[in-house]
N, C-alpha and C. Protein backbone atom coordinates (compact mmCIF):
# COMPACT_ATOMS: atom_id res chain seq x y z
N UNK A 1 -14.92 -36.40 9.11
CA UNK A 1 -15.01 -35.37 8.37
C UNK A 1 -13.99 -34.47 8.00
N UNK A 2 -13.98 -34.03 6.81
CA UNK A 2 -12.91 -33.59 6.38
C UNK A 2 -13.28 -31.66 6.39
N UNK A 3 -12.22 -31.14 6.05
CA UNK A 3 -12.43 -29.73 6.14
C UNK A 3 -13.22 -29.19 5.00
N UNK A 4 -13.55 -29.80 4.15
CA UNK A 4 -14.71 -29.37 3.19
C UNK A 4 -15.81 -29.61 3.40
N UNK A 5 -16.18 -30.72 4.13
CA UNK A 5 -17.45 -30.94 4.47
C UNK A 5 -17.90 -30.14 6.07
N UNK A 6 -17.07 -29.65 6.59
CA UNK A 6 -17.34 -28.97 7.91
C UNK A 6 -17.64 -27.25 7.63
N UNK A 7 -17.03 -27.03 6.58
CA UNK A 7 -17.45 -25.31 6.34
C UNK A 7 -18.51 -25.45 5.38
N UNK A 8 -19.41 -24.45 5.68
CA UNK A 8 -20.48 -23.98 4.82
C UNK A 8 -20.21 -23.03 3.77
N UNK A 9 -20.64 -22.95 2.94
CA UNK A 9 -20.44 -21.68 1.98
C UNK A 9 -20.94 -20.59 2.59
N UNK A 10 -20.61 -19.22 2.39
CA UNK A 10 -21.28 -18.32 3.04
C UNK A 10 -22.48 -17.84 2.18
N UNK A 11 -23.73 -17.90 2.77
CA UNK A 11 -24.85 -17.37 2.06
C UNK A 11 -25.29 -16.03 2.72
N UNK A 12 -25.33 -14.97 1.77
CA UNK A 12 -25.89 -13.63 2.39
C UNK A 12 -27.22 -13.75 2.66
N UNK A 13 -27.59 -13.15 3.85
CA UNK A 13 -28.88 -13.12 4.61
C UNK A 13 -29.61 -11.90 3.97
N UNK A 14 -30.98 -12.03 3.70
CA UNK A 14 -31.78 -10.77 3.43
C UNK A 14 -32.04 -9.97 4.50
N UNK A 15 -31.86 -8.50 4.09
CA UNK A 15 -31.97 -7.67 5.16
C UNK A 15 -33.44 -6.99 5.27
N UNK A 16 -34.10 -7.19 3.89
CA UNK A 16 -35.36 -6.83 3.65
C UNK A 16 -36.38 -7.86 3.59
N UNK A 17 -37.53 -7.66 4.17
CA UNK A 17 -38.70 -8.75 4.29
C UNK A 17 -39.09 -8.84 2.75
N UNK A 18 -39.57 -9.94 2.06
CA UNK A 18 -40.18 -9.86 0.87
C UNK A 18 -41.09 -8.73 0.51
N UNK A 19 -41.10 -8.44 -0.89
CA UNK A 19 -41.89 -7.17 -1.37
C UNK A 19 -43.39 -7.59 -0.92
N UNK A 20 -43.71 -8.82 -1.23
CA UNK A 20 -45.34 -8.98 -0.97
C UNK A 20 -45.70 -8.50 0.74
N UNK A 21 -44.81 -8.68 1.41
CA UNK A 21 -45.11 -8.49 2.86
C UNK A 21 -45.27 -6.73 3.23
N UNK A 22 -44.22 -6.09 2.50
CA UNK A 22 -44.00 -4.69 2.57
C UNK A 22 -45.33 -4.14 1.76
N UNK A 23 -45.78 -4.87 0.58
CA UNK A 23 -46.76 -4.34 0.04
C UNK A 23 -48.23 -4.60 1.06
N UNK A 24 -48.30 -5.67 1.60
CA UNK A 24 -49.63 -6.14 2.75
C UNK A 24 -49.47 -5.00 3.63
N UNK A 25 -48.21 -4.63 4.13
CA UNK A 25 -48.29 -3.67 5.41
C UNK A 25 -48.81 -2.19 4.80
N UNK A 26 -48.15 -1.78 3.76
CA UNK A 26 -48.72 -0.63 3.20
C UNK A 26 -50.14 -0.42 2.90
N UNK A 27 -50.87 -1.40 2.20
CA UNK A 27 -52.11 -1.59 2.06
C UNK A 27 -52.94 -1.46 3.30
N UNK A 28 -52.46 -2.20 4.35
CA UNK A 28 -53.14 -2.16 5.53
C UNK A 28 -53.11 -0.83 6.25
N UNK A 29 -52.17 -0.22 6.27
CA UNK A 29 -51.95 1.12 6.65
C UNK A 29 -53.11 2.28 6.14
N UNK A 30 -53.00 2.00 4.81
CA UNK A 30 -53.94 3.11 4.12
C UNK A 30 -55.16 2.62 4.39
N UNK A 31 -55.56 1.53 4.45
CA UNK A 31 -56.90 0.90 4.60
C UNK A 31 -57.48 1.73 5.99
N UNK A 32 -56.44 1.61 7.05
CA UNK A 32 -56.61 2.18 8.55
C UNK A 32 -56.97 3.56 8.39
N UNK A 33 -56.17 4.33 7.51
CA UNK A 33 -56.27 5.54 7.47
C UNK A 33 -57.66 6.16 6.70
N UNK A 34 -57.66 5.30 5.80
CA UNK A 34 -59.26 5.64 5.06
C UNK A 34 -60.47 5.60 5.99
N UNK A 35 -60.37 4.58 6.85
CA UNK A 35 -61.38 3.95 7.87
C UNK A 35 -61.57 5.11 8.85
N UNK A 36 -60.41 5.58 9.39
CA UNK A 36 -60.36 6.63 10.52
C UNK A 36 -61.08 8.08 9.99
N UNK A 37 -60.77 8.00 8.60
CA UNK A 37 -61.21 9.54 8.11
C UNK A 37 -62.82 9.41 7.86
N UNK A 38 -63.24 8.21 7.26
CA UNK A 38 -64.54 7.87 7.03
C UNK A 38 -65.28 7.91 8.32
N UNK A 39 -64.90 7.48 9.29
CA UNK A 39 -65.81 7.21 10.53
C UNK A 39 -65.38 8.43 11.38
N UNK A 40 -64.96 9.52 11.15
CA UNK A 40 -64.52 10.73 12.26
C UNK A 40 -65.93 11.18 12.54
N UNK A 41 -65.82 11.81 13.73
CA UNK A 41 -67.17 12.43 14.46
C UNK A 41 -67.59 13.69 13.47
N UNK A 42 -68.86 13.85 12.94
CA UNK A 42 -69.30 15.03 12.48
C UNK A 42 -68.94 16.28 13.24
N UNK A 43 -69.03 17.47 12.75
CA UNK A 43 -68.89 18.80 13.20
C UNK A 43 -69.98 19.06 14.14
N UNK A 44 -69.90 19.44 15.25
CA UNK A 44 -71.00 20.04 15.92
C UNK A 44 -70.90 21.18 16.80
N UNK A 45 -72.05 21.88 17.12
CA UNK A 45 -71.93 22.99 17.90
C UNK A 45 -72.17 22.75 19.42
N UNK A 46 -71.26 23.10 20.31
CA UNK A 46 -71.41 22.35 21.69
C UNK A 46 -72.81 22.82 22.47
N UNK A 47 -73.57 23.91 22.06
CA UNK A 47 -74.80 24.17 22.73
C UNK A 47 -75.64 25.27 21.86
N UNK A 48 -76.69 24.96 21.75
CA UNK A 48 -77.70 25.72 20.97
C UNK A 48 -79.08 25.92 22.02
N UNK A 49 -79.25 27.20 22.27
CA UNK A 49 -80.33 27.57 23.00
C UNK A 49 -81.64 28.27 22.43
N UNK A 50 -82.91 27.60 22.54
CA UNK A 50 -84.12 28.17 21.93
C UNK A 50 -84.97 28.43 22.93
N UNK A 51 -85.19 29.92 22.43
CA UNK A 51 -86.05 30.62 23.73
C UNK A 51 -87.49 30.84 23.34
N UNK A 52 -88.47 30.34 24.11
CA UNK A 52 -89.85 30.57 23.69
C UNK A 52 -90.66 31.45 24.65
N UNK A 53 -90.76 32.73 24.09
CA UNK A 53 -91.60 33.53 24.92
C UNK A 53 -93.11 33.34 24.83
N UNK A 54 -93.68 32.56 24.14
CA UNK A 54 -95.00 32.42 23.98
C UNK A 54 -95.90 31.55 25.17
N UNK A 55 -97.02 31.53 25.26
CA UNK A 55 -97.65 30.48 25.95
C UNK A 55 -97.91 29.18 25.64
N UNK A 56 -97.32 28.88 24.43
CA UNK A 56 -97.67 27.56 23.83
C UNK A 56 -96.29 26.77 24.11
N UNK A 57 -96.56 25.42 23.80
CA UNK A 57 -95.40 24.34 23.71
C UNK A 57 -95.12 24.64 22.38
N UNK A 58 -93.74 24.72 21.95
CA UNK A 58 -93.41 25.14 20.63
C UNK A 58 -92.23 23.82 20.27
N UNK A 59 -92.44 23.18 19.21
CA UNK A 59 -91.61 22.16 18.55
C UNK A 59 -90.66 22.77 17.69
N UNK A 60 -89.44 22.50 17.70
CA UNK A 60 -88.37 23.26 17.13
C UNK A 60 -87.64 22.15 16.38
N UNK A 61 -87.25 22.22 15.13
CA UNK A 61 -86.32 21.60 14.31
C UNK A 61 -85.50 22.41 13.55
N UNK A 62 -84.38 21.78 12.85
CA UNK A 62 -83.62 22.65 12.05
C UNK A 62 -83.06 21.68 11.04
N UNK A 63 -82.77 22.27 10.08
CA UNK A 63 -82.17 21.74 8.72
C UNK A 63 -81.31 22.85 8.00
N UNK A 64 -80.32 22.14 7.24
CA UNK A 64 -79.48 23.21 6.32
C UNK A 64 -80.55 23.63 5.39
N UNK A 65 -80.00 24.66 4.70
CA UNK A 65 -80.50 25.57 3.80
C UNK A 65 -80.76 24.57 2.31
N UNK A 66 -79.57 23.86 2.29
CA UNK A 66 -79.47 23.08 0.85
C UNK A 66 -80.12 21.73 0.99
N UNK A 67 -80.62 21.33 2.16
CA UNK A 67 -80.90 19.92 2.42
C UNK A 67 -82.43 19.84 3.24
N UNK A 68 -83.23 19.01 3.02
CA UNK A 68 -84.51 19.06 3.63
C UNK A 68 -84.46 17.96 4.60
N UNK A 69 -82.99 17.32 5.07
CA UNK A 69 -83.02 16.49 6.25
C UNK A 69 -83.20 17.01 7.71
N UNK A 70 -83.98 16.75 8.28
CA UNK A 70 -84.46 17.51 9.44
C UNK A 70 -83.77 16.90 10.73
N UNK A 71 -83.42 17.76 11.53
CA UNK A 71 -83.13 17.34 13.07
C UNK A 71 -83.80 17.99 14.00
N UNK A 72 -84.50 17.01 14.67
CA UNK A 72 -85.75 17.50 15.84
C UNK A 72 -84.67 17.95 16.84
N UNK A 73 -84.83 19.29 17.51
CA UNK A 73 -84.06 19.79 18.61
C UNK A 73 -84.71 19.54 19.67
N UNK A 74 -86.19 20.35 20.00
CA UNK A 74 -86.64 19.89 21.19
C UNK A 74 -88.32 20.61 21.13
N UNK A 75 -89.07 20.51 22.36
CA UNK A 75 -90.24 21.10 22.48
C UNK A 75 -90.12 21.71 23.50
N UNK A 76 -90.25 23.21 23.45
CA UNK A 76 -89.91 24.05 24.28
C UNK A 76 -91.07 24.67 25.05
N UNK A 77 -91.14 24.50 26.39
CA UNK A 77 -92.32 24.86 27.05
C UNK A 77 -92.71 26.13 27.06
N UNK A 78 -93.87 26.71 27.27
CA UNK A 78 -94.24 28.00 27.57
C UNK A 78 -93.20 28.82 28.15
N UNK A 79 -92.88 30.09 27.72
CA UNK A 79 -92.25 30.96 28.49
C UNK A 79 -90.83 30.51 29.15
N UNK A 80 -90.26 29.69 28.40
CA UNK A 80 -88.89 29.26 28.96
C UNK A 80 -87.87 29.09 27.87
N UNK A 81 -86.79 28.22 27.95
CA UNK A 81 -85.74 27.96 26.89
C UNK A 81 -85.41 26.53 27.25
N UNK A 82 -84.97 25.89 26.06
CA UNK A 82 -84.35 24.69 25.95
C UNK A 82 -82.83 24.78 25.76
N UNK A 83 -82.20 23.89 26.06
CA UNK A 83 -80.62 23.95 25.64
C UNK A 83 -80.53 22.52 25.21
N UNK A 84 -79.99 22.45 24.00
CA UNK A 84 -79.45 21.41 23.05
C UNK A 84 -78.02 21.29 23.15
N UNK A 85 -77.67 20.19 23.50
CA UNK A 85 -76.20 19.71 23.37
C UNK A 85 -75.70 19.06 22.16
N UNK A 86 -74.79 19.52 21.61
CA UNK A 86 -73.79 18.75 20.78
C UNK A 86 -74.79 18.72 19.48
N UNK A 87 -75.26 19.67 18.94
CA UNK A 87 -76.09 19.92 17.80
C UNK A 87 -75.04 19.63 16.42
N UNK A 88 -75.79 18.95 15.68
CA UNK A 88 -74.84 18.77 14.22
C UNK A 88 -74.84 20.10 13.61
N UNK A 89 -73.75 20.47 12.94
CA UNK A 89 -73.57 21.67 12.35
C UNK A 89 -74.25 21.60 11.12
N UNK A 90 -75.52 22.66 10.72
CA UNK A 90 -75.90 22.66 9.50
C UNK A 90 -75.41 23.42 8.29
N UNK A 91 -74.12 23.89 8.74
CA UNK A 91 -73.59 24.51 7.44
C UNK A 91 -73.86 26.14 7.49
N UNK A 92 -73.72 26.80 6.44
CA UNK A 92 -73.71 28.25 6.49
C UNK A 92 -74.90 29.17 6.68
N UNK A 93 -76.08 28.22 6.37
CA UNK A 93 -77.62 28.80 6.53
C UNK A 93 -78.33 27.66 7.52
N UNK A 94 -78.99 28.26 8.67
CA UNK A 94 -79.65 27.11 9.26
C UNK A 94 -80.98 27.59 9.24
N UNK A 95 -81.81 26.66 9.02
CA UNK A 95 -83.45 26.82 8.85
C UNK A 95 -84.07 26.16 10.03
N UNK A 96 -84.83 26.90 10.95
CA UNK A 96 -85.26 26.58 12.05
C UNK A 96 -86.88 26.45 11.64
N UNK A 97 -87.67 25.53 11.92
CA UNK A 97 -88.98 25.31 11.70
C UNK A 97 -89.62 25.04 12.99
N UNK A 98 -90.88 25.46 12.92
CA UNK A 98 -91.50 25.68 14.25
C UNK A 98 -92.95 25.18 14.08
N UNK A 99 -93.50 24.32 14.99
CA UNK A 99 -94.92 24.02 14.94
C UNK A 99 -95.44 23.66 16.34
N UNK A 100 -96.81 23.69 16.69
CA UNK A 100 -97.52 23.43 18.03
C UNK A 100 -98.86 22.69 17.63
N UNK A 101 -99.22 21.80 18.37
CA UNK A 101 -100.15 21.13 18.19
C UNK A 101 -100.71 20.96 16.82
N UNK A 102 -99.75 20.30 15.89
CA UNK A 102 -100.19 19.95 14.69
C UNK A 102 -100.24 21.31 13.84
N UNK A 103 -99.99 22.34 14.11
CA UNK A 103 -100.03 23.78 13.36
C UNK A 103 -98.75 23.92 12.96
N UNK A 104 -98.51 24.25 11.83
CA UNK A 104 -97.20 24.71 11.18
C UNK A 104 -96.87 26.18 11.68
N UNK A 105 -95.94 26.62 12.26
CA UNK A 105 -95.88 27.86 12.56
C UNK A 105 -94.93 28.71 11.59
N UNK A 106 -94.29 27.99 10.58
CA UNK A 106 -93.32 28.47 9.76
C UNK A 106 -91.76 28.01 10.00
N UNK A 107 -91.00 28.86 9.29
CA UNK A 107 -89.66 28.87 9.53
C UNK A 107 -88.70 29.89 9.55
N UNK A 108 -87.48 29.96 10.08
CA UNK A 108 -86.81 30.94 10.28
C UNK A 108 -85.32 30.61 9.73
N UNK A 109 -84.83 31.57 8.72
CA UNK A 109 -83.35 31.16 8.21
C UNK A 109 -82.55 32.19 8.85
N UNK A 110 -81.52 31.52 9.63
CA UNK A 110 -80.50 32.23 10.21
C UNK A 110 -79.17 31.99 9.73
N UNK A 111 -78.39 32.90 9.44
CA UNK A 111 -77.02 32.62 8.83
C UNK A 111 -76.06 32.08 10.15
N UNK A 112 -75.09 31.22 9.82
CA UNK A 112 -74.36 30.67 10.87
C UNK A 112 -73.54 31.60 11.71
N UNK A 113 -73.19 32.55 10.78
CA UNK A 113 -72.32 33.71 11.36
C UNK A 113 -73.16 34.47 12.76
N UNK A 114 -74.28 34.82 12.23
CA UNK A 114 -75.17 35.47 13.22
C UNK A 114 -75.66 34.62 14.45
N UNK A 115 -75.69 33.34 14.28
CA UNK A 115 -76.02 32.41 15.45
C UNK A 115 -74.73 32.52 16.30
N UNK A 116 -73.78 32.42 15.79
CA UNK A 116 -72.38 32.28 16.62
C UNK A 116 -72.21 33.79 17.29
N UNK A 117 -72.60 34.77 16.52
CA UNK A 117 -72.49 36.30 17.32
C UNK A 117 -73.41 36.27 18.37
N UNK A 118 -74.57 35.65 18.41
CA UNK A 118 -75.51 35.66 19.38
C UNK A 118 -75.45 34.51 20.38
N UNK A 119 -74.34 33.98 20.36
CA UNK A 119 -73.86 32.96 21.24
C UNK A 119 -74.81 31.59 21.24
N UNK A 120 -74.74 31.58 20.11
CA UNK A 120 -75.94 30.02 19.66
C UNK A 120 -77.14 30.26 20.54
N UNK A 121 -77.98 31.32 20.41
CA UNK A 121 -79.19 31.29 20.94
C UNK A 121 -80.04 32.09 19.69
N UNK A 122 -81.37 31.49 19.67
CA UNK A 122 -82.31 31.60 18.92
C UNK A 122 -83.80 31.73 19.44
N UNK A 123 -84.54 32.77 19.29
CA UNK A 123 -85.84 32.94 19.91
C UNK A 123 -86.87 32.61 18.87
N UNK A 124 -88.14 32.13 19.38
CA UNK A 124 -89.05 31.87 18.41
C UNK A 124 -89.72 33.38 18.01
N UNK A 125 -89.79 33.65 16.83
CA UNK A 125 -90.01 34.87 16.31
C UNK A 125 -91.68 35.12 16.67
N UNK A 126 -92.05 36.47 16.89
CA UNK A 126 -93.41 37.01 17.04
C UNK A 126 -94.37 36.37 16.05
N UNK A 127 -93.76 36.57 14.77
CA UNK A 127 -94.76 36.17 13.39
C UNK A 127 -95.17 34.65 13.63
N UNK A 128 -94.19 33.91 13.99
CA UNK A 128 -94.40 32.45 14.14
C UNK A 128 -95.56 32.15 15.50
N UNK A 129 -95.21 32.90 16.53
CA UNK A 129 -96.07 32.80 17.77
C UNK A 129 -97.62 33.09 17.31
N UNK A 130 -97.93 34.17 16.52
CA UNK A 130 -99.13 34.58 15.95
C UNK A 130 -99.79 33.67 15.16
N UNK A 131 -99.04 32.87 14.23
CA UNK A 131 -99.39 32.09 13.40
C UNK A 131 -99.91 30.63 14.07
N UNK A 132 -99.14 30.49 15.20
CA UNK A 132 -99.46 29.21 16.01
C UNK A 132 -100.84 29.39 16.71
N UNK A 133 -101.02 30.68 17.28
CA UNK A 133 -102.04 31.10 18.25
C UNK A 133 -103.05 31.13 17.26
N UNK A 134 -103.37 31.69 16.02
CA UNK A 134 -104.44 31.83 14.99
C UNK A 134 -104.82 30.34 14.44
N UNK A 135 -103.95 29.37 14.50
CA UNK A 135 -104.16 28.36 13.62
C UNK A 135 -105.00 27.54 14.29
N UNK A 136 -105.69 26.39 13.83
CA UNK A 136 -106.71 25.54 14.15
C UNK A 136 -105.84 24.11 14.35
N UNK A 137 -106.17 23.43 15.22
CA UNK A 137 -105.63 21.88 15.26
C UNK A 137 -106.41 21.11 14.69
N UNK A 138 -105.93 20.45 13.71
CA UNK A 138 -106.69 19.16 12.94
C UNK A 138 -106.21 18.01 13.36
N UNK A 139 -106.83 16.99 14.03
CA UNK A 139 -106.41 15.84 14.57
C UNK A 139 -106.20 14.91 13.36
N UNK A 140 -105.43 13.91 13.62
CA UNK A 140 -104.81 12.98 12.67
C UNK A 140 -105.88 12.06 12.32
N UNK A 141 -106.69 11.92 13.47
CA UNK A 141 -107.93 10.78 13.06
C UNK A 141 -109.17 11.57 13.58
N UNK A 142 -110.36 10.83 13.01
CA UNK A 142 -111.53 11.25 13.54
C UNK A 142 -112.53 10.40 14.59
N UNK A 143 -113.14 11.08 15.20
CA UNK A 143 -113.78 10.25 16.25
C UNK A 143 -114.66 9.21 15.50
């Protein structure tokens, strides 16, 4: 072997990976960030208490003022209260609807600020109780 064949010409090494690999990594990171944002947990209220001063079982549900999608909270036994944990935040105005035995008791619109000021506690109104007591149960089927 001669000196010419023993030495190789100096070839500079690349210090950065190819552009396609960099683009693939950037796109992957952006996709992961978008998925984390899209799949985040919704806003919730840690605890919502519903008081029922009546002698009836009262079914309570809630929905936002600008949407009719309903979230069923609880059936509150007579003269007691029910605690609902991790309730989805309904926005600025919460609309509570009440029923008992197939009778519509009506609804109650409460601003979010008022609920927060009252420690996330709502009571079944007297007008709803009267409406439920005066109503007539109509079964869904006939004998």
